[in-house]
Amino acid sequence: MQLVEFLAPHFAFVSDPTAWIALLTLVVLEVVLGIDNLIFISILTNKLPEAQRARARRLGISAALIMRLILLATISIIVQLTAPVFTAFGHGFSWRDLILIAGGLFLVWKATKEIHHTVDPQDHQDSMVGGALQMSLAGAIFQILLLDLVFSIDSIITAVGMTDEIAIMYIAVIVAVSAMMLAATPLANFIARNPTIVMLALGFLLMIGMTLIADGMGYHVPKGYIYAAMGFSALVEGLNMLARQRKKQRSGGGH
């Protein structure tokens, strides 16, 4: 009974239609924001031995959920991360800005390394995942957590801007991360089956990394432009895949 009395104020929004609209909007937004994270997880876990890939994805995404729920519990601290701590080049940098810049640099570095390995797979000395330097499960989880932290903070700050209801934020985060869990393996398998998709996804990571850096430097790039560019690129690649498949079918029919 005491638990019900404690939770009742947090779920008062169920009778408010505008709160349901906010919840639906926030769920969609959180799912879209999770696409960036999902692409990174898919590429990273595909570098692991096949027996460990599904486990790494489950652990990484579960850790992302736990991290976001913990961050929501400390939401008053997260909100303060947007306050400037120092000024340089005419821009007041907050802890959020510094985290975004660090995460963007990491993504650019990681994507560049992976592109180099994809273009020159024989150069195992320079590859983080080649030969004797093959990535361990712990190493993959650590890198996933590192990017989860960056995307989680951005996600939580976005949620705070959408609604004041903490219960709505919790529900949106749980639904979005659950969708990531369901989509992770099909996306990773699709990328693994189509080598050209790997390069496209790495290009997406480069663009996302540069966007995070720009955002941290005070130059906000509307997310709509980013996802429109990604969608157009994916459409062109889809047409290329269809053309290659048709060509292969015609070639096979000729024999």
C-alpha atoms as a PDB file:
ATOM      1  CA  MET A   1       0.000   0.000   0.000  1.00  0.00           C
ATOM      2  CA  GLN A   2       2.820   2.360   0.873  1.00  0.00           C
ATOM      3  CA  LEU A   3       4.512   1.522  -2.435  1.00  0.00           C
ATOM      4  CA  VAL A   4       1.332   2.402  -4.350  1.00  0.00           C
ATOM      5  CA  GLU A   5       1.045   5.702  -2.477  1.00  0.00           C
ATOM      6  CA  PHE A   6       4.690   6.445  -3.268  1.00  0.00           C
ATOM      7  CA  LEU A   7       4.349   5.665  -7.004  1.00  0.00           C
ATOM      8  CA  ALA A   8       0.921   7.262  -7.547  1.00  0.00           C
ATOM      9  CA  PRO A   9       2.201  10.873  -7.962  1.00  0.00           C
ATOM     10  CA  HIS A  10       4.743   9.715 -10.564  1.00  0.00           C
ATOM     11  CA  PHE A  11       2.053   8.113 -12.725  1.00  0.00           C
ATOM     12  CA  ALA A  12      -0.524  10.884 -12.503  1.00  0.00           C
ATOM     13  CA  PHE A  13       0.226  11.630 -16.181  1.00  0.00           C
ATOM     14  CA  VAL A  14      -1.810   8.578 -17.352  1.00  0.00           C
ATOM     15  CA  SER A  15      -4.974  10.702 -17.377  1.00  0.00           C
ATOM     16  CA  ASP A  16      -3.329  13.530 -19.327  1.00  0.00           C
ATOM     17  CA  PRO A  17      -3.541  13.169 -23.160  1.00  0.00           C
ATOM     18  CA  THR A  18      -0.668  15.629 -23.708  1.00  0.00           C
ATOM     19  CA  ALA A  19       1.562  13.471 -21.506  1.00  0.00           C
ATOM     20  CA  TRP A  20       0.848  10.455 -23.726  1.00  0.00           C
ATOM     21  CA  ILE A  21       1.779  12.510 -26.790  1.00  0.00           C
ATOM     22  CA  ALA A  22       5.013  13.526 -25.050  1.00  0.00           C
ATOM     23  CA  LEU A  23       5.703   9.870 -24.193  1.00  0.00           C
ATOM     24  CA  LEU A  24       5.149   8.700 -27.787  1.00  0.00           C
ATOM     25  CA  THR A  25       7.297  11.522 -29.179  1.00  0.00           C
ATOM     26  CA  LEU A  26      10.076  10.818 -26.690  1.00  0.00           C
ATOM     27  CA  VAL A  27      10.027   7.061 -27.416  1.00  0.00           C
ATOM     28  CA  VAL A  28      10.396   7.742 -31.160  1.00  0.00           C
ATOM     29  CA  LEU A  29      13.152  10.274 -30.495  1.00  0.00           C
ATOM     30  CA  GLU A  30      15.036   7.904 -28.187  1.00  0.00           C
ATOM     31  CA  VAL A  31      14.787   5.082 -30.744  1.00  0.00           C
ATOM     32  CA  VAL A  32      16.124   7.350 -33.501  1.00  0.00           C
ATOM     33  CA  LEU A  33      18.966   8.556 -31.290  1.00  0.00           C
ATOM     34  CA  GLY A  34      19.749   4.912 -30.514  1.00  0.00           C
ATOM     35  CA  ILE A  35      20.428   4.158 -34.194  1.00  0.00           C
ATOM     36  CA  ASP A  36      23.888   5.761 -33.917  1.00  0.00           C
ATOM     37  CA  ASN A  37      24.737   3.588 -30.936  1.00  0.00           C
ATOM     38  CA  LEU A  38      23.344   0.463 -32.597  1.00  0.00           C
ATOM     39  CA  ILE A  39      25.483   0.882 -35.731  1.00  0.00           C
ATOM     40  CA  PHE A  40      28.595   1.173 -33.564  1.00  0.00           C
ATOM     41  CA  ILE A  41      27.659  -1.903 -31.493  1.00  0.00           C
ATOM     42  CA  SER A  42      26.936  -3.939 -34.644  1.00  0.00           C
ATOM     43  CA  ILE A  43      30.288  -3.140 -36.262  1.00  0.00           C
ATOM     44  CA  LEU A  44      32.232  -3.657 -33.046  1.00  0.00           C
ATOM     45  CA  THR A  45      30.679  -6.992 -32.077  1.00  0.00           C
ATOM     46  CA  ASN A  46      31.121  -8.383 -35.606  1.00  0.00           C
ATOM     47  CA  LYS A  47      34.876  -8.214 -34.935  1.00  0.00           C
ATOM     48  CA  LEU A  48      34.519 -10.754 -32.125  1.00  0.00           C
ATOM     49  CA  PRO A  49      34.552 -14.549 -32.548  1.00  0.00           C
ATOM     50  CA  GLU A  50      31.104 -15.603 -33.736  1.00  0.00           C
ATOM     51  CA  ALA A  51      30.307 -17.472 -30.501  1.00  0.00           C
ATOM     52  CA  GLN A  52      30.738 -14.273 -28.463  1.00  0.00           C
ATOM     53  CA  ARG A  53      28.891 -11.774 -30.676  1.00  0.00           C
ATOM     54  CA  ALA A  54      25.320 -12.228 -29.407  1.00  0.00           C
ATOM     55  CA  ARG A  55      26.508 -12.233 -25.794  1.00  0.00           C
ATOM     56  CA  ALA A  56      28.516  -9.032 -26.333  1.00  0.00           C
ATOM     57  CA  ARG A  57      25.502  -7.310 -27.884  1.00  0.00           C
ATOM     58  CA  ARG A  58      23.231  -8.379 -25.004  1.00  0.00           C
ATOM     59  CA  LEU A  59      25.750  -7.281 -22.372  1.00  0.00           C
ATOM     60  CA  GLY A  60      26.486  -3.985 -24.118  1.00  0.00           C
ATOM     61  CA  ILE A  61      22.856  -3.008 -24.609  1.00  0.00           C
ATOM     62  CA  SER A  62      21.871  -4.196 -21.102  1.00  0.00           C
ATOM     63  CA  ALA A  63      24.676  -2.065 -19.698  1.00  0.00           C
ATOM     64  CA  ALA A  64      23.359   0.858 -21.761  1.00  0.00           C
ATOM     65  CA  LEU A  65      19.920   0.432 -20.163  1.00  0.00           C
ATOM     66  CA  ILE A  66      21.368   0.256 -16.640  1.00  0.00           C
ATOM     67  CA  MET A  67      23.561   3.291 -17.319  1.00  0.00           C
ATOM     68  CA  ARG A  68      20.650   5.375 -18.604  1.00  0.00           C
ATOM     69  CA  LEU A  69      18.440   4.424 -15.669  1.00  0.00           C
ATOM     70  CA  ILE A  70      21.223   5.381 -13.243  1.00  0.00           C
ATOM     71  CA  LEU A  71      21.726   8.673 -15.075  1.00  0.00           C
ATOM     72  CA  LEU A  72      17.983   9.349 -14.834  1.00  0.00           C
ATOM     73  CA  ALA A  73      18.209   8.764 -11.071  1.00  0.00           C
ATOM     74  CA  THR A  74      20.871  11.515 -10.942  1.00  0.00           C
ATOM     75  CA  ILE A  75      19.015  13.776 -13.343  1.00  0.00           C
ATOM     76  CA  SER A  76      19.623  16.921 -11.264  1.00  0.00           C
ATOM     77  CA  ILE A  77      23.374  16.394 -11.750  1.00  0.00           C
ATOM     78  CA  ILE A  78      22.972  15.633 -15.472  1.00  0.00           C
ATOM     79  CA  VAL A  79      21.068  18.887 -16.033  1.00  0.00           C
ATOM     80  CA  GLN A  80      23.926  20.817 -14.423  1.00  0.00           C
ATOM     81  CA  LEU A  81      26.321  19.374 -17.019  1.00  0.00           C
ATOM     82  CA  THR A  82      24.986  21.950 -19.463  1.00  0.00           C
ATOM     83  CA  ALA A  83      26.320  24.856 -17.369  1.00  0.00           C
ATOM     84  CA  PRO A  84      29.524  26.398 -18.831  1.00  0.00           C
ATOM     85  CA  VAL A  85      32.699  25.602 -16.869  1.00  0.00           C
ATOM     86  CA  PHE A  86      35.123  27.669 -18.974  1.00  0.00           C
ATOM     87  CA  THR A  87      35.147  29.854 -22.078  1.00  0.00           C
ATOM     88  CA  ALA A  88      37.423  29.484 -25.099  1.00  0.00           C
ATOM     89  CA  PHE A  89      37.196  30.837 -28.657  1.00  0.00           C
ATOM     90  CA  GLY A  90      34.108  32.796 -27.629  1.00  0.00           C
ATOM     91  CA  HIS A  91      32.199  29.671 -26.607  1.00  0.00           C
ATOM     92  CA  GLY A  92      31.319  28.587 -23.087  1.00  0.00           C
ATOM     93  CA  PHE A  93      32.199  24.893 -22.782  1.00  0.00           C
ATOM     94  CA  SER A  94      30.123  22.727 -20.428  1.00  0.00           C
ATOM     95  CA  TRP A  95      30.874  19.200 -19.226  1.00  0.00           C
ATOM     96  CA  ARG A  96      28.321  17.972 -21.771  1.00  0.00           C
ATOM     97  CA  ASP A  97      30.248  19.730 -24.546  1.00  0.00           C
ATOM     98  CA  LEU A  98      33.523  18.156 -23.427  1.00  0.00           C
ATOM     99  CA  ILE A  99      31.924  14.693 -23.239  1.00  0.00           C
ATOM    100  CA  LEU A 100      30.452  15.097 -26.743  1.00  0.00           C
ATOM    101  CA  ILE A 101      33.798  16.254 -28.148  1.00  0.00           C
ATOM    102  CA  ALA A 102      35.640  13.337 -26.513  1.00  0.00           C
ATOM    103  CA  GLY A 103      33.017  10.871 -27.780  1.00  0.00           C
ATOM    104  CA  GLY A 104      33.141  12.384 -31.277  1.00  0.00           C
ATOM    105  CA  LEU A 105      36.940  12.138 -31.403  1.00  0.00           C
ATOM    106  CA  PHE A 106      36.750   8.516 -30.262  1.00  0.00           C
ATOM    107  CA  LEU A 107      34.192   7.706 -32.973  1.00  0.00           C
ATOM    108  CA  VAL A 108      36.264   9.412 -35.690  1.00  0.00           C
ATOM    109  CA  TRP A 109      39.406   7.567 -34.527  1.00  0.00           C
ATOM    110  CA  LYS A 110      37.604   4.222 -34.304  1.00  0.00           C
ATOM    111  CA  ALA A 111      35.862   4.561 -37.684  1.00  0.00           C
ATOM    112  CA  THR A 112      39.098   5.688 -39.380  1.00  0.00           C
ATOM    113  CA  LYS A 113      40.976   2.682 -37.957  1.00  0.00           C
ATOM    114  CA  GLU A 114      38.227   0.302 -39.083  1.00  0.00           C
ATOM    115  CA  ILE A 115      38.124   1.854 -42.582  1.00  0.00           C
ATOM    116  CA  HIS A 116      41.898   1.404 -42.814  1.00  0.00           C
ATOM    117  CA  HIS A 117      41.548  -2.246 -41.793  1.00  0.00           C
ATOM    118  CA  THR A 118      38.712  -2.806 -44.276  1.00  0.00           C
ATOM    119  CA  VAL A 119      40.669  -1.259 -47.156  1.00  0.00           C
ATOM    120  CA  ASP A 120      43.950  -2.961 -46.198  1.00  0.00           C
ATOM    121  CA  PRO A 121      43.033  -6.128 -44.278  1.00  0.00           C
ATOM    122  CA  GLN A 122      46.603  -7.482 -44.628  1.00  0.00           C
ATOM    123  CA  ASP A 123      47.993  -4.752 -42.403  1.00  0.00           C
ATOM    124  CA  HIS A 124      47.295  -6.536 -39.107  1.00  0.00           C
ATOM    125  CA  GLN A 125      49.923  -4.518 -37.275  1.00  0.00           C
ATOM    126  CA  ASP A 126      47.825  -1.390 -37.590  1.00  0.00           C
ATOM    127  CA  SER A 127      44.516  -3.090 -36.938  1.00  0.00           C
ATOM    128  CA  MET A 128      43.017  -3.144 -33.486  1.00  0.00           C
ATOM    129  CA  VAL A 129      41.222  -6.366 -34.265  1.00  0.00           C
ATOM    130  CA  GLY A 130      43.582  -8.212 -36.550  1.00  0.00           C
ATOM    131  CA  GLY A 131      45.621 -11.332 -35.936  1.00  0.00           C
ATOM    132  CA  ALA A 132      47.050 -11.588 -32.428  1.00  0.00           C
ATOM    133  CA  LEU A 133      45.422  -8.319 -31.499  1.00  0.00           C
ATOM    134  CA  GLN A 134      41.896  -9.654 -32.002  1.00  0.00           C
ATOM    135  CA  MET A 135      39.490  -7.829 -29.746  1.00  0.00           C
ATOM    136  CA  SER A 136      38.450  -9.536 -26.544  1.00  0.00           C
ATOM    137  CA  LEU A 137      34.901  -9.628 -25.202  1.00  0.00           C
ATOM    138  CA  ALA A 138      35.928  -7.361 -22.316  1.00  0.00           C
ATOM    139  CA  GLY A 139      37.527  -4.890 -24.743  1.00  0.00           C
ATOM    140  CA  ALA A 140      34.377  -4.764 -26.868  1.00  0.00           C
ATOM    141  CA  ILE A 141      32.134  -4.243 -23.819  1.00  0.00           C
ATOM    142  CA  PHE A 142      34.444  -1.463 -22.567  1.00  0.00           C
ATOM    143  CA  GLN A 143      34.264   0.406 -25.887  1.00  0.00           C
ATOM    144  CA  ILE A 144      30.490  -0.064 -26.070  1.00  0.00           C
ATOM    145  CA  LEU A 145      30.148   1.354 -22.538  1.00  0.00           C
ATOM    146  CA  LEU A 146      32.366   4.291 -23.449  1.00  0.00           C
ATOM    147  CA  LEU A 147      30.104   5.291 -26.342  1.00  0.00           C
ATOM    148  CA  ASP A 148      26.988   4.382 -24.336  1.00  0.00           C
ATOM    149  CA  LEU A 149      27.998   7.020 -21.802  1.00  0.00           C
ATOM    150  CA  VAL A 150      28.241   9.720 -24.484  1.00  0.00           C
ATOM    151  CA  PHE A 151      24.965   8.788 -26.186  1.00  0.00           C
ATOM    152  CA  SER A 152      23.205   8.254 -22.838  1.00  0.00           C
ATOM    153  CA  ILE A 153      24.024  11.734 -21.540  1.00  0.00           C
ATOM    154  CA  ASP A 154      22.847  13.294 -24.811  1.00  0.00           C
ATOM    155  CA  SER A 155      19.712  11.125 -24.671  1.00  0.00           C
ATOM    156  CA  ILE A 156      18.894  12.093 -21.072  1.00  0.00           C
ATOM    157  CA  ILE A 157      19.388  15.808 -21.745  1.00  0.00           C
ATOM    158  CA  THR A 158      17.069  15.464 -24.761  1.00  0.00           C
ATOM    159  CA  ALA A 159      14.485  13.755 -22.549  1.00  0.00           C
ATOM    160  CA  VAL A 160      14.687  16.547 -19.968  1.00  0.00           C
ATOM    161  CA  GLY A 161      13.964  19.057 -22.724  1.00  0.00           C
ATOM    162  CA  MET A 162      10.858  17.119 -23.771  1.00  0.00           C
ATOM    163  CA  THR A 163       9.068  16.535 -20.450  1.00  0.00           C
ATOM    164  CA  ASP A 164       9.267  17.101 -16.688  1.00  0.00           C
ATOM    165  CA  GLU A 165       7.693  13.718 -15.844  1.00  0.00           C
ATOM    166  CA  ILE A 166      10.426  11.359 -14.631  1.00  0.00           C
ATOM    167  CA  ALA A 167       8.161   8.308 -15.183  1.00  0.00           C
ATOM    168  CA  ILE A 168       7.762   9.228 -18.874  1.00  0.00           C
ATOM    169  CA  MET A 169      11.549   9.441 -19.202  1.00  0.00           C
ATOM    170  CA  TYR A 170      12.011   6.012 -17.602  1.00  0.00           C
ATOM    171  CA  ILE A 171       9.359   4.390 -19.825  1.00  0.00           C
ATOM    172  CA  ALA A 172      10.785   5.990 -23.001  1.00  0.00           C
ATOM    173  CA  VAL A 173      14.333   4.856 -22.190  1.00  0.00           C
ATOM    174  CA  ILE A 174      13.231   1.270 -21.381  1.00  0.00           C
ATOM    175  CA  VAL A 175      11.171   1.005 -24.589  1.00  0.00           C
ATOM    176  CA  ALA A 176      13.954   2.496 -26.750  1.00  0.00           C
ATOM    177  CA  VAL A 177      16.675   0.238 -25.321  1.00  0.00           C
ATOM    178  CA  SER A 178      14.379  -2.792 -25.654  1.00  0.00           C
ATOM    179  CA  ALA A 179      13.930  -1.923 -29.343  1.00  0.00           C
ATOM    180  CA  MET A 180      17.731  -1.734 -29.653  1.00  0.00           C
ATOM    181  CA  MET A 181      18.010  -5.192 -28.095  1.00  0.00           C
ATOM    182  CA  LEU A 182      15.562  -6.643 -30.648  1.00  0.00           C
ATOM    183  CA  ALA A 183      17.182  -4.927 -33.633  1.00  0.00           C
ATOM    184  CA  ALA A 184      20.844  -5.501 -32.692  1.00  0.00           C
ATOM    185  CA  THR A 185      21.313  -9.060 -33.980  1.00  0.00           C
ATOM    186  CA  PRO A 186      19.374  -8.660 -37.290  1.00  0.00           C
ATOM    187  CA  LEU A 187      21.290  -5.432 -38.031  1.00  0.00           C
ATOM    188  CA  ALA A 188      24.665  -6.987 -37.153  1.00  0.00           C
ATOM    189  CA  ASN A 189      23.904 -10.042 -39.312  1.00  0.00           C
ATOM    190  CA  PHE A 190      22.822  -7.841 -42.215  1.00  0.00           C
ATOM    191  CA  ILE A 191      26.049  -5.841 -41.994  1.00  0.00           C
ATOM    192  CA  ALA A 192      28.116  -9.041 -41.790  1.00  0.00           C
ATOM    193  CA  ARG A 193      26.412 -10.500 -44.901  1.00  0.00           C
ATOM    194  CA  ASN A 194      26.931  -7.357 -46.971  1.00  0.00           C
ATOM    195  CA  PRO A 195      30.557  -6.129 -46.984  1.00  0.00           C
ATOM    196  CA  THR A 196      29.699  -2.860 -48.749  1.00  0.00           C
ATOM    197  CA  ILE A 197      27.318  -2.017 -45.915  1.00  0.00           C
ATOM    198  CA  VAL A 198      30.294  -2.086 -43.518  1.00  0.00           C
ATOM    199  CA  MET A 199      31.965   0.811 -45.336  1.00  0.00           C
ATOM    200  CA  LEU A 200      28.679   2.722 -45.469  1.00  0.00           C
ATOM    201  CA  ALA A 201      28.124   2.181 -41.730  1.00  0.00           C
ATOM    202  CA  LEU A 202      31.684   3.318 -40.979  1.00  0.00           C
ATOM    203  CA  GLY A 203      31.007   6.422 -43.037  1.00  0.00           C
ATOM    204  CA  PHE A 204      27.925   7.009 -40.882  1.00  0.00           C
ATOM    205  CA  LEU A 205      30.080   6.701 -37.749  1.00  0.00           C
ATOM    206  CA  LEU A 206      32.531   9.269 -39.135  1.00  0.00           C
ATOM    207  CA  MET A 207      29.674  11.671 -39.842  1.00  0.00           C
ATOM    208  CA  ILE A 208      28.139  11.084 -36.393  1.00  0.00           C
ATOM    209  CA  GLY A 209      31.554  11.630 -34.754  1.00  0.00           C
ATOM    210  CA  MET A 210      32.069  14.934 -36.587  1.00  0.00           C
ATOM    211  CA  THR A 211      28.521  15.969 -35.642  1.00  0.00           C
ATOM    212  CA  LEU A 212      29.233  15.285 -31.950  1.00  0.00           C
ATOM    213  CA  ILE A 213      32.432  17.346 -32.151  1.00  0.00           C
ATOM    214  CA  ALA A 214      30.608  20.209 -33.890  1.00  0.00           C
ATOM    215  CA  ASP A 215      27.816  20.081 -31.298  1.00  0.00           C
ATOM    216  CA  GLY A 216      30.365  20.192 -28.484  1.00  0.00           C
ATOM    217  CA  MET A 217      32.056  23.187 -30.121  1.00  0.00           C
ATOM    218  CA  GLY A 218      28.744  25.056 -30.180  1.00  0.00           C
ATOM    219  CA  TYR A 219      27.750  24.428 -33.818  1.00  0.00           C
ATOM    220  CA  HIS A 220      24.467  22.543 -33.608  1.00  0.00           C
ATOM    221  CA  VAL A 221      23.681  20.417 -36.661  1.00  0.00           C
ATOM    222  CA  PRO A 222      19.955  19.529 -36.848  1.00  0.00           C
ATOM    223  CA  LYS A 223      19.501  15.777 -36.455  1.00  0.00           C
ATOM    224  CA  GLY A 224      17.036  15.777 -39.339  1.00  0.00           C
ATOM    225  CA  TYR A 225      19.813  16.656 -41.789  1.00  0.00           C
ATOM    226  CA  ILE A 226      22.009  13.848 -40.458  1.00  0.00           C
ATOM    227  CA  TYR A 227      19.332  11.175 -40.672  1.00  0.00           C
ATOM    228  CA  ALA A 228      18.159  12.426 -44.077  1.00  0.00           C
ATOM    229  CA  ALA A 229      21.724  12.040 -45.385  1.00  0.00           C
ATOM    230  CA  MET A 230      22.000   8.575 -43.813  1.00  0.00           C
ATOM    231  CA  GLY A 231      18.634   7.562 -45.254  1.00  0.00           C
ATOM    232  CA  PHE A 232      19.558   8.776 -48.757  1.00  0.00           C
ATOM    233  CA  SER A 233      22.906   6.937 -48.623  1.00  0.00           C
ATOM    234  CA  ALA A 234      21.187   3.765 -47.419  1.00  0.00           C
ATOM    235  CA  LEU A 235      18.634   4.055 -50.257  1.00  0.00           C
ATOM    236  CA  VAL A 236      21.398   4.412 -52.881  1.00  0.00           C
ATOM    237  CA  GLU A 237      23.259   1.416 -51.413  1.00  0.00           C
ATOM    238  CA  GLY A 238      20.015  -0.566 -51.403  1.00  0.00           C
ATOM    239  CA  LEU A 239      19.571   0.170 -55.126  1.00  0.00           C
ATOM    240  CA  ASN A 240      23.195  -0.882 -55.736  1.00  0.00           C
ATOM    241  CA  MET A 241      22.600  -4.159 -53.872  1.00  0.00           C
ATOM    242  CA  LEU A 242      19.443  -4.784 -55.902  1.00  0.00           C
ATOM    243  CA  ALA A 243      21.316  -4.084 -59.158  1.00  0.00           C
ATOM    244  CA  ARG A 244      24.127  -6.476 -58.156  1.00  0.00           C
ATOM    245  CA  GLN A 245      21.606  -9.173 -57.254  1.00  0.00           C
ATOM    246  CA  ARG A 246      19.791  -8.798 -60.602  1.00  0.00           C
ATOM    247  CA  LYS A 247      23.111  -8.904 -62.448  1.00  0.00           C
ATOM    248  CA  LYS A 248      24.117 -12.086 -60.580  1.00  0.00           C
ATOM    249  CA  GLN A 249      20.767 -13.696 -61.391  1.00  0.00           C
ATOM    250  CA  ARG A 250      21.110 -12.863 -65.103  1.00  0.00           C
ATOM    251  CA  SER A 251      24.677 -14.125 -65.091  1.00  0.00           C
ATOM    252  CA  GLY A 252      23.596 -17.371 -63.416  1.00  0.00           C
ATOM    253  CA  GLY A 253      20.714 -17.785 -65.848  1.00  0.00           C
ATOM    254  CA  GLY A 254      23.105 -17.411 -68.791  1.00  0.00           C
ATOM    255  CA  HIS A 255      25.036 -20.499 -67.706  1.00  0.00           C
END
